[in-house]
């Protein structure tokens, strides 16, 4: 599975719908958790994912049904992890908590192709009408694999992003045990950035910039024409190889 992140450019009305959905989805999540705690206190049982879905279906006009399903699924999985960790004696996994506004930044659309999908022009993302319907998107790189689900995320920079989760083929075409090429050894050291198995070395980029800085400083007392020539030679010496720049 791989996730591809793309910037969204909603207009003012769409931004308002997205933010309203984000706010109300957090409230629904907290209400679901309250229902879980109340039922456990009264009956010593937890409601299932389907109980949560049916109880909160249609409760908010700004939250699409697919997001309500994912909220119930997320809470149900959190409860299962907590119970499994408690059974195994793992103390680091706590009971699900109520979410504050600064801890709630994403909306999940369950199924790509049904709940959301890319428009034919590859410039817009089609989402439910309650969250903007026709969102402008910058597809700066192609999508690889088969898209499965989408998260709409509001980052700290104030912008919205679409995270498209795709099912992809493994990156390796053969098992490591079936490699026919010779072994490659790389040693990371202090004097050189790395030394390969053939004895080739790569100078640390930081040292290259420091050396270039001091050589440039040493040319300040030279006449202007000679100083420019020396500075040009220093830049060419240390910045010719992009891996060292």
Foldseek 3Di string as FASTA:
>chain_A
DDKDKWFWDADPVLVVLQVVQLVVLLVLLLVLVVVQVVCCVVPVDGDALVVSLVVCPPVDPLHDSQQSSVSSVVLRVLVVVQVVCVVVVNDPRDHDDRDDPVRGWKTKRFFEPPQWYADPVNQWIAHDVSNPGTIGIDCVDDDAAAWGIWMWGQDPVRTIMIITDHDHDDPDPDDPVPDDDDDKDWDQDDQFRIAIPVGDTHHALVVLVVVLVVQLVVLPPPPPVVSVVSNVVSCCVQPVDVVSD
